[in-house]
Protein backbone atom coordinates (compact mmCIF):
# COMPACT_ATOMS: atom_id res chain seq x y z
CA MET A 1 -19.57 26.83 -10.18
CA PRO A 2 -17.85 30.05 -9.10
CA LYS A 3 -14.16 29.55 -8.34
CA LYS A 4 -13.41 29.53 -4.66
CA ASN A 5 -10.47 30.07 -2.26
CA LEU A 6 -9.71 26.72 -0.84
CA LEU A 7 -7.47 25.60 1.99
CA PHE A 8 -6.35 22.06 2.76
CA PHE A 9 -4.86 21.09 6.12
CA ILE A 10 -3.05 17.81 6.64
CA GLN A 11 -0.34 16.38 8.88
CA SER A 12 2.21 16.20 6.02
CA LEU A 13 2.59 15.58 2.29
CA ALA A 14 4.69 12.46 2.84
CA SER A 15 4.04 9.25 0.75
CA GLY A 16 0.53 7.96 1.76
CA GLY A 17 -3.08 7.67 0.61
CA ALA A 18 -4.58 10.78 2.28
CA GLU A 19 -1.59 12.83 1.16
CA ARG A 20 -2.07 11.69 -2.37
CA VAL A 21 -5.72 12.57 -2.41
CA THR A 22 -4.86 16.05 -1.02
CA ALA A 23 -2.30 16.68 -3.70
CA ASN A 24 -4.62 15.33 -6.43
CA MET A 25 -7.64 17.51 -5.52
CA ALA A 26 -5.62 20.58 -4.73
CA ASN A 27 -3.87 20.31 -8.09
CA TYR A 28 -7.20 19.74 -9.87
CA TRP A 29 -8.71 22.93 -8.60
CA ALA A 30 -5.58 24.92 -8.90
CA LYS A 31 -5.35 23.97 -12.56
CA ASN A 32 -8.95 25.17 -12.95
CA GLY A 33 -8.04 28.55 -11.67
CA TRP A 34 -9.11 28.32 -8.12
CA SER A 35 -6.99 29.85 -5.29
CA VAL A 36 -5.64 26.89 -3.22
CA THR A 37 -3.41 26.83 -0.10
CA VAL A 38 -2.01 23.57 1.27
CA VAL A 39 -0.99 23.72 4.99
CA THR A 40 0.93 21.03 6.79
CA MET A 41 1.72 20.47 10.40
CA THR A 42 5.18 19.28 9.40
CA GLY A 43 7.87 21.21 7.43
CA THR A 44 8.36 20.56 3.68
CA ASP A 45 11.24 18.18 4.19
CA LEU A 46 8.85 15.19 4.05
CA ASP A 47 7.04 16.33 0.87
CA PHE A 48 6.59 13.50 -1.55
CA TYR A 49 3.89 14.71 -3.93
CA GLU A 50 4.31 17.67 -6.28
CA LEU A 51 1.83 20.55 -6.27
CA HIS A 52 0.71 22.83 -8.99
CA PRO A 53 2.91 25.96 -9.17
CA THR A 54 0.04 28.31 -8.31
CA ILE A 55 -0.63 26.52 -4.95
CA LYS A 56 0.40 28.30 -1.83
CA ARG A 57 2.37 25.84 0.45
CA ILE A 58 2.54 26.69 4.05
CA PRO A 59 4.25 24.50 6.64
CA LEU A 60 3.44 25.13 10.34
CA ASN A 61 6.47 23.23 11.50
CA LEU A 62 4.61 22.28 14.62
CA ALA A 63 4.62 18.39 14.31
CA GLY A 64 6.11 16.01 16.80
CA SER A 65 5.12 13.93 19.74
CA SER A 66 4.85 15.13 23.38
CA SER A 67 6.45 13.45 26.38
CA ASN A 68 3.38 13.90 28.60
CA GLN A 69 -0.25 14.76 28.45
CA ILE A 70 0.19 18.38 29.85
CA LEU A 71 2.90 19.15 27.12
CA GLY A 72 0.67 17.45 24.59
CA LEU A 73 -2.22 19.73 25.47
CA LEU A 74 -0.09 22.82 25.31
CA ASN A 75 1.31 21.82 21.88
CA ASN A 76 -2.09 21.19 20.48
CA ILE A 77 -3.38 24.51 21.75
CA LYS A 78 -0.37 26.10 20.02
CA ARG A 79 -1.30 24.22 16.81
CA ILE A 80 -4.89 25.33 17.01
CA PHE A 81 -4.00 28.98 17.45
CA ALA A 82 -1.47 28.83 14.60
CA LEU A 83 -4.04 27.40 12.17
CA ARG A 84 -6.64 29.82 13.46
CA ALA A 85 -4.29 32.75 12.70
CA LEU A 86 -3.65 31.43 9.21
CA LEU A 87 -7.32 30.93 8.53
CA LYS A 88 -7.89 34.61 9.42
CA GLU A 89 -4.99 35.61 7.18
CA VAL A 90 -5.83 33.46 4.13
CA LYS A 91 -9.56 33.85 4.46
CA PRO A 92 -10.58 30.67 2.58
CA GLU A 93 -14.24 30.26 1.83
CA VAL A 94 -13.76 26.47 2.28
CA ALA A 95 -11.17 24.81 4.62
CA ILE A 96 -10.74 20.96 4.36
CA ALA A 97 -8.89 19.04 7.03
CA MET A 98 -7.64 15.61 5.94
CA MET A 99 -7.78 12.81 8.54
CA SER A 100 -9.10 12.61 12.09
CA THR A 101 -6.76 14.54 14.22
CA ALA A 102 -6.28 17.30 11.61
CA SER A 103 -10.18 17.55 11.54
CA VAL A 104 -10.24 18.03 15.34
CA VAL A 105 -7.61 20.69 15.13
CA MET A 106 -9.52 22.41 12.28
CA ALA A 107 -12.83 22.27 14.24
CA PHE A 108 -11.37 24.16 17.17
CA ALA A 109 -9.28 26.55 15.02
CA SER A 110 -12.21 27.53 12.85
CA TRP A 111 -14.69 27.86 15.62
CA GLY A 112 -16.17 31.35 15.52
CA VAL A 113 -14.06 32.47 12.51
CA PRO A 114 -16.68 33.96 10.14
CA ASN A 115 -17.33 33.10 6.52
CA ILE A 116 -15.34 29.81 6.50
CA ALA A 117 -16.96 26.52 5.70
CA ALA A 118 -14.74 24.16 7.72
CA ILE A 119 -14.99 20.50 6.60
CA GLY A 120 -13.53 17.45 8.35
CA THR A 121 -12.84 14.15 6.66
CA GLU A 122 -12.29 10.53 7.71
CA ARG A 123 -9.84 8.74 5.44
CA THR A 124 -10.35 5.26 6.87
CA HIS A 125 -13.17 3.51 8.71
CA PRO A 126 -12.97 5.02 12.24
CA PRO A 127 -13.68 1.95 14.44
CA ARG A 128 -10.95 -0.01 12.66
CA LEU A 129 -8.36 2.60 13.55
CA PRO A 130 -9.44 4.10 16.90
CA LEU A 131 -7.88 7.17 18.33
CA SER A 132 -6.71 7.46 21.93
CA PRO A 133 -9.58 7.89 24.54
CA ILE A 134 -9.02 11.70 24.86
CA TRP A 135 -8.92 12.19 21.01
CA GLU A 136 -12.07 10.00 20.65
CA LYS A 137 -13.89 12.34 23.02
CA LEU A 138 -12.55 15.44 21.21
CA ARG A 139 -13.62 13.98 17.85
CA SER A 140 -17.10 13.29 19.19
CA PHE A 141 -17.53 16.88 20.56
CA SER A 142 -15.50 19.01 17.99
CA TYR A 143 -17.05 17.59 14.81
CA GLY A 144 -20.19 19.42 15.87
CA LYS A 145 -18.28 22.72 15.31
CA LEU A 146 -17.54 21.88 11.72
CA LYS A 147 -19.91 22.60 8.82
CA ALA A 148 -19.68 19.03 7.55
CA VAL A 149 -17.62 15.86 7.71
CA VAL A 150 -16.82 13.81 4.61
CA ALA A 151 -16.74 9.99 4.77
CA LEU A 152 -15.49 7.66 2.07
CA THR A 153 -18.17 5.01 2.40
CA SER A 154 -21.73 4.62 3.79
CA GLU A 155 -20.46 2.37 6.64
CA SER A 156 -18.15 5.14 7.84
CA ALA A 157 -20.95 7.74 7.46
CA THR A 158 -23.21 5.63 9.68
CA TRP A 159 -20.49 5.33 12.38
CA LEU A 160 -20.02 9.18 12.29
CA GLU A 161 -23.81 9.68 12.67
CA ASN A 162 -23.87 7.45 15.71
CA ASN A 163 -20.67 8.60 17.42
CA THR A 164 -20.13 12.23 16.67
CA ASN A 165 -22.13 15.48 16.68
CA ALA A 166 -21.32 16.29 12.96
CA PRO A 167 -24.09 18.50 11.63
CA PHE A 168 -23.87 17.14 8.08
CA ILE A 169 -22.12 14.01 6.69
CA ALA A 170 -21.32 13.62 2.99
CA ILE A 171 -20.06 10.40 1.27
CA ILE A 172 -17.49 11.20 -1.35
CA PRO A 173 -15.08 8.46 -2.53
CA ASN A 174 -11.61 9.14 -3.79
CA ALA A 175 -10.90 10.08 -7.36
CA VAL A 176 -8.63 8.16 -9.59
CA ILE A 177 -6.08 10.29 -11.41
CA TRP A 178 -5.20 9.10 -14.95
CA PRO A 179 -2.44 9.18 -16.06
CA LEU A 180 -0.36 9.39 -12.86
CA THR A 181 2.40 12.05 -12.78
CA LEU A 182 6.02 10.97 -12.48
CA HIS A 183 8.25 12.25 -9.68
CA GLN A 184 11.30 11.10 -7.74
CA PRO A 185 12.37 8.41 -6.82
CA ILE A 186 12.15 6.82 -10.24
CA ILE A 187 13.36 3.26 -10.89
CA ASP A 188 12.47 1.58 -14.15
CA PRO A 189 10.90 -1.84 -13.53
CA GLU A 190 12.96 -3.27 -16.36
CA THR A 191 16.19 -2.60 -14.34
CA LEU A 192 15.02 -4.96 -11.61
CA ILE A 193 12.70 -7.37 -13.36
CA ALA A 194 13.69 -9.67 -16.22
CA SER A 195 11.53 -9.35 -19.31
CA ASP A 196 10.32 -12.98 -19.06
CA LYS A 197 8.96 -12.63 -15.57
CA LYS A 198 5.33 -11.91 -14.62
CA ILE A 199 4.46 -9.68 -11.55
CA ILE A 200 1.97 -9.80 -8.76
CA LEU A 201 2.04 -6.35 -7.41
CA ALA A 202 1.02 -4.94 -3.94
CA VAL A 203 1.50 -1.26 -2.75
CA GLY A 204 1.35 0.30 0.62
CA ARG A 205 2.99 1.21 3.84
CA LEU A 206 5.03 -1.65 5.39
CA ASP A 207 2.95 -1.96 8.44
CA GLN A 208 0.89 -4.70 10.08
CA HIS A 209 -2.61 -3.94 8.81
CA LYS A 210 -1.72 -4.09 5.11
CA GLY A 211 -1.50 -7.91 5.38
CA PHE A 212 1.78 -8.24 3.68
CA ALA A 213 2.97 -11.00 6.06
CA THR A 214 -0.02 -13.07 4.96
CA LEU A 215 0.70 -12.28 1.24
CA ILE A 216 4.35 -13.24 1.63
CA ASP A 217 3.44 -16.62 3.36
CA ILE A 218 0.84 -17.46 0.56
CA PHE A 219 3.11 -16.54 -2.35
CA ALA A 220 6.14 -18.32 -0.86
CA LYS A 221 3.96 -21.52 -0.81
CA ILE A 222 3.13 -21.40 -4.51
CA ALA A 223 6.30 -19.78 -5.79
CA PRO A 224 8.20 -23.03 -6.57
CA LYS A 225 5.37 -24.09 -8.86
CA HIS A 226 5.52 -20.72 -10.71
CA PRO A 227 9.18 -19.79 -11.20
CA ASP A 228 8.23 -17.18 -13.81
CA TRP A 229 6.18 -15.12 -11.31
CA LEU A 230 7.43 -12.57 -8.83
CA LEU A 231 5.64 -10.90 -5.96
CA VAL A 232 6.67 -7.10 -5.72
CA ILE A 233 5.61 -5.09 -2.76
CA LEU A 234 6.13 -1.30 -3.12
CA GLY A 235 6.33 0.88 -0.07
CA GLU A 236 8.19 1.76 3.16
CA GLY A 237 7.53 1.49 6.71
CA PHE A 238 8.64 0.21 10.16
CA LYS A 239 7.92 -3.43 9.27
CA ARG A 240 10.43 -3.53 6.46
CA GLY A 241 12.99 -5.58 8.56
CA ASP A 242 10.34 -8.09 9.63
CA PHE A 243 9.15 -8.60 6.15
CA GLU A 244 12.66 -9.02 4.77
CA GLN A 245 13.43 -11.56 7.45
CA GLN A 246 10.16 -13.32 6.57
CA VAL A 247 11.12 -13.53 2.85
CA GLN A 248 14.58 -14.85 3.80
CA SER A 249 13.11 -17.54 6.08
CA HIS A 250 11.20 -18.81 3.12
CA GLY A 251 14.29 -18.70 0.99
CA ALA A 252 12.21 -16.68 -1.53
CA GLN A 253 14.61 -13.65 -2.04
CA LYS A 254 14.67 -14.17 -5.81
CA GLN A 255 10.83 -14.18 -6.19
CA ILE A 256 9.67 -11.69 -3.53
CA LEU A 257 11.04 -8.16 -3.87
CA LEU A 258 10.57 -5.12 -1.69
CA PRO A 259 12.18 -2.36 -3.70
CA GLY A 260 10.78 0.61 -1.75
CA VAL A 261 8.65 3.66 -2.67
CA MET A 262 8.34 4.61 -6.36
CA GLY A 263 7.52 7.98 -7.80
CA ASN A 264 6.94 6.27 -11.24
CA ILE A 265 4.33 3.89 -9.79
CA SER A 266 2.35 4.08 -13.03
CA GLN A 267 5.18 2.28 -14.86
CA TRP A 268 4.99 -0.50 -12.25
CA TYR A 269 1.32 -0.85 -12.65
CA LEU A 270 1.74 -1.12 -16.41
CA ARG A 271 4.43 -3.74 -15.96
CA ALA A 272 2.48 -5.93 -13.47
CA ASN A 273 -0.07 -8.57 -14.28
CA ILE A 274 -2.11 -9.01 -11.11
CA TYR A 275 -2.73 -6.59 -8.19
CA ILE A 276 -3.49 -7.77 -4.60
CA LEU A 277 -4.88 -5.83 -1.72
CA SER A 278 -4.36 -7.88 1.39
CA SER A 279 -5.29 -5.26 4.05
CA ASP A 280 -7.17 -6.04 7.26
CA TYR A 281 -9.09 -2.77 6.81
CA GLU A 282 -9.16 0.17 4.41
CA GLY A 283 -10.94 3.50 3.95
CA PHE A 284 -11.12 3.76 0.17
CA PRO A 285 -7.89 2.33 -1.22
CA ASN A 286 -6.29 4.55 -3.81
CA THR A 287 -3.87 1.97 -5.01
CA LEU A 288 -6.62 -0.50 -5.84
CA VAL A 289 -8.40 2.06 -7.98
CA GLU A 290 -5.15 3.08 -9.61
CA ALA A 291 -4.06 -0.48 -10.38
CA MET A 292 -7.47 -1.14 -12.06
CA ALA A 293 -7.30 1.96 -14.00
CA HIS A 294 -4.05 0.66 -15.46
CA GLY A 295 -5.82 -2.59 -16.52
CA LEU A 296 -4.62 -4.85 -13.70
CA ALA A 297 -6.79 -7.76 -12.67
CA PRO A 298 -7.30 -7.21 -8.88
CA ILE A 299 -7.77 -9.56 -5.89
CA SER A 300 -8.71 -8.15 -2.58
CA PHE A 301 -9.94 -9.19 0.87
CA ASP A 302 -13.53 -7.94 1.31
CA CYS A 303 -12.67 -5.97 4.39
CA GLU A 304 -15.27 -3.89 6.10
CA THR A 305 -15.08 -0.89 3.82
CA GLY A 306 -13.56 0.10 0.58
CA PRO A 307 -12.89 -2.79 -1.93
CA ARG A 308 -16.49 -3.80 -2.22
CA ASP A 309 -17.25 -0.29 -3.46
CA ILE A 310 -14.70 -0.62 -6.16
CA ILE A 311 -14.38 -4.32 -7.27
CA ARG A 312 -17.39 -5.89 -8.89
CA ASN A 313 -16.83 -9.47 -7.81
CA ASN A 314 -16.20 -11.96 -10.62
CA SER A 315 -16.73 -9.22 -13.17
CA ASP A 316 -13.60 -7.05 -12.84
CA GLY A 317 -11.88 -8.74 -10.02
CA ILE A 318 -12.12 -11.11 -7.13
CA LEU A 319 -13.29 -10.36 -3.55
CA ILE A 320 -12.11 -12.77 -0.83
CA PRO A 321 -13.70 -13.26 2.55
CA PRO A 322 -11.67 -11.28 5.12
CA GLY A 323 -8.72 -13.22 6.51
CA ASP A 324 -9.42 -16.38 4.37
CA LYS A 325 -5.84 -17.32 3.49
CA GLN A 326 -6.83 -20.45 1.60
CA ALA A 327 -9.27 -18.55 -0.55
CA LEU A 328 -6.67 -15.90 -1.28
CA GLN A 329 -4.19 -18.59 -2.36
CA GLU A 330 -6.75 -20.22 -4.56
CA ALA A 331 -7.61 -16.85 -6.19
CA VAL A 332 -3.98 -16.10 -6.80
CA GLU A 333 -3.31 -19.43 -8.45
CA LYS A 334 -6.50 -19.10 -10.50
CA LEU A 335 -5.39 -15.88 -12.07
CA ILE A 336 -1.74 -17.04 -12.43
CA GLU A 337 -3.03 -20.11 -14.41
CA ASN A 338 -5.70 -18.31 -16.47
CA HIS A 339 -4.29 -15.49 -18.60
CA ILE A 340 -7.63 -15.11 -20.50
CA LEU A 341 -9.54 -14.44 -17.18
CA ARG A 342 -6.70 -12.03 -16.15
CA GLN A 343 -7.12 -10.15 -19.39
CA GLN A 344 -10.98 -10.09 -19.12
CA TYR A 345 -10.88 -8.74 -15.52
CA GLY A 346 -8.20 -6.25 -16.44
CA LYS A 347 -10.19 -4.86 -19.40
CA GLN A 348 -13.30 -4.54 -17.24
CA ALA A 349 -11.39 -3.01 -14.41
CA MET A 350 -10.43 0.01 -16.40
CA ASP A 351 -13.97 1.24 -16.13
CA VAL A 352 -12.92 2.79 -12.80
CA ARG A 353 -11.43 5.52 -14.95
CA GLU A 354 -14.95 6.56 -15.61
CA ARG A 355 -16.66 5.63 -12.37
CA PHE A 356 -14.08 7.54 -10.21
CA ALA A 357 -13.05 10.19 -12.62
CA VAL A 358 -11.66 13.25 -10.89
CA GLU A 359 -14.20 15.53 -12.65
CA LYS A 360 -17.09 13.39 -11.13
CA ILE A 361 -15.60 13.42 -7.71
CA ALA A 362 -14.90 17.10 -7.88
CA GLU A 363 -18.50 17.74 -8.74
CA LYS A 364 -19.49 16.00 -5.51
CA TRP A 365 -17.20 18.12 -3.52
CA GLU A 366 -18.38 21.39 -5.30
CA SER A 367 -21.90 20.45 -4.59
CA LEU A 368 -21.01 20.25 -0.93
CA PHE A 369 -19.21 23.54 -1.11
CA THR A 370 -22.37 25.17 -2.58
CA LYS A 371 -24.52 23.72 0.06
CA LEU A 372 -22.25 25.10 2.86
CA THR A 373 -21.55 28.42 1.38
CA GLY A 374 -24.73 29.24 -0.46
CA PHE A 375 -22.98 29.98 -3.70
């Protein structure tokens, strides 16, 4: 299709799933000669993902919380007008907002600006991560001002149809990038993990909904029976202190590690043996697809959206009923004790490289661009 002038708008480029998707897709189109601009509400000091050198990076430096509703309203009006001015200056043919509040801001900022196909996106399942009452009302109304909204799954698309005025809803999953690029911080797994140890890996923000507390409890129970196995949780977040205390209470410091965020996550996937997604809810979990692309046998809770669109149960991984701790423990022990099954699942799992190849996902986006712009 003809190369376009694209603009992405997101809160920040800090470490996170939506941020990684933004960087991945922006880099893909930039490498293919498209004109790409990435705009963030924050400054560049939080940037974790590297962008292609041709991408124009614009920080609005307008992030931050407000002390009251009136100040919040004024600050959001300021953000809307700043983005609106930028849209008029850059003149993108397509402007994509990543995540809910950014999509609301984009809807108001692009309203009435000619020749821009403004697209909102939902990066998780909306009812599982509700906005404040006022933002919910703004989402319901403002999505009608966008040209389209992109959901990750059919369940999320149905919710948007029933709860917003979005004129068109497309379902486009995340792409898997293979191989992953390296960037700081880089810690070689071999510097922390003895060569004779096997690894169960989990990756994500250290917050409540990722289910790491459950995962720690389950692994601590079986760890004494499997001294050659470690649980490694990569990520950062406000629950770090709680998780570290939980590990200490189990006396499992030698078998449960929380080494932080890694810019060489590909090396950690390759070093691991099993991948676990223990989240209460997801949108379309990037880390699960990445782990499978690296040949890891996956186990995941079959939460409302996401994993069931990726894992083919008992073919390339194991899906567990949501919140079923006993079933999760049994699945973990099953794969620990059966290396042939681990290898079988891992080999089958690599099919995600084809199923969610960036070229295929980009084609879905480009088809949407053509539908909205007419060329």
